[in-house]
Amino acid sequence: MAQTCELCGKGPQFGNNISHAHNVTRRRWNVNLQQVKAVVNGASKRVRVCTGCIKAGKIVKA
């Protein structure tokens, strides 16, 4: 399952781990997704949305 918000489309960001010896390896920062029961088109549905959308009130919880 993709780590993306179903509302805003926010996904993981990528960067580097850098050790003290400056060894560089790839890493990723995942989005804080929560499964929430929300009202979508008048019906109650489970959606995976990021906490930013929940805090901003972009969804209506059912």
Protein backbone atom coordinates (compact mmCIF):
# COMPACT_ATOMS: atom_id res chain seq x y z
CA MET A 1 0.00 0.00 0.00
CA ALA A 2 1.38 3.37 -1.01
CA GLN A 3 2.40 5.78 1.75
CA THR A 4 0.39 8.70 0.37
CA CYS A 5 -2.40 10.82 1.82
CA GLU A 6 -5.68 10.22 -0.04
CA LEU A 7 -6.68 13.85 0.41
CA CYS A 8 -3.62 16.00 -0.36
CA GLY A 9 -1.38 13.40 -2.04
CA LYS A 10 1.52 14.01 0.32
CA GLY A 11 4.08 11.18 0.14
CA PRO A 12 7.42 10.21 1.67
CA GLN A 13 10.45 12.45 1.35
CA PHE A 14 13.91 11.07 0.63
CA GLY A 15 17.34 12.08 1.86
CA ASN A 16 20.60 10.75 3.24
CA ASN A 17 21.83 9.26 6.49
CA ILE A 18 25.31 10.67 7.07
CA SER A 19 27.48 8.91 9.64
CA HIS A 20 30.38 10.39 11.58
CA ALA A 21 32.72 8.85 8.99
CA HIS A 22 30.56 10.52 6.31
CA ASN A 23 29.22 7.25 4.93
CA VAL A 24 26.13 8.21 2.96
CA THR A 25 23.12 5.89 2.68
CA ARG A 26 19.62 6.65 1.44
CA ARG A 27 16.74 7.01 3.89
CA ARG A 28 13.12 8.14 3.81
CA TRP A 29 10.80 10.15 6.02
CA ASN A 30 7.32 8.66 5.89
CA VAL A 31 4.13 10.66 6.21
CA ASN A 32 2.17 10.30 9.47
CA LEU A 33 -0.91 8.59 8.02
CA GLN A 34 -3.95 7.64 10.08
CA GLN A 35 -6.90 5.52 9.04
CA VAL A 36 -10.00 7.61 9.74
CA LYS A 37 -13.67 7.03 9.12
CA ALA A 38 -14.78 10.11 7.17
CA VAL A 39 -17.77 11.34 5.21
CA VAL A 40 -17.00 11.09 1.48
CA ASN A 41 -19.76 12.01 -1.01
CA GLY A 42 -22.38 11.65 1.72
CA ALA A 43 -21.28 8.13 2.68
CA SER A 44 -19.06 6.97 5.53
CA LYS A 45 -15.75 5.56 4.29
CA ARG A 46 -12.35 4.59 5.74
CA VAL A 47 -9.59 6.79 4.32
CA ARG A 48 -5.85 7.08 4.98
CA VAL A 49 -5.09 10.76 5.54
CA CYS A 50 -2.10 12.60 6.99
CA THR A 51 -2.33 14.26 10.39
CA GLY A 52 -1.85 17.65 8.74
CA CYS A 53 -5.16 17.26 6.91
CA ILE A 54 -6.89 16.06 10.08
CA LYS A 55 -5.62 19.03 12.12
CA ALA A 56 -6.51 21.51 9.37
CA GLY A 57 -10.10 20.19 9.33
CA LYS A 58 -9.97 19.16 5.68
CA ILE A 59 -12.00 16.03 6.46
CA VAL A 60 -15.32 15.53 8.24
CA LYS A 61 -15.12 12.59 10.64
CA ALA A 62 -18.03 10.15 10.64
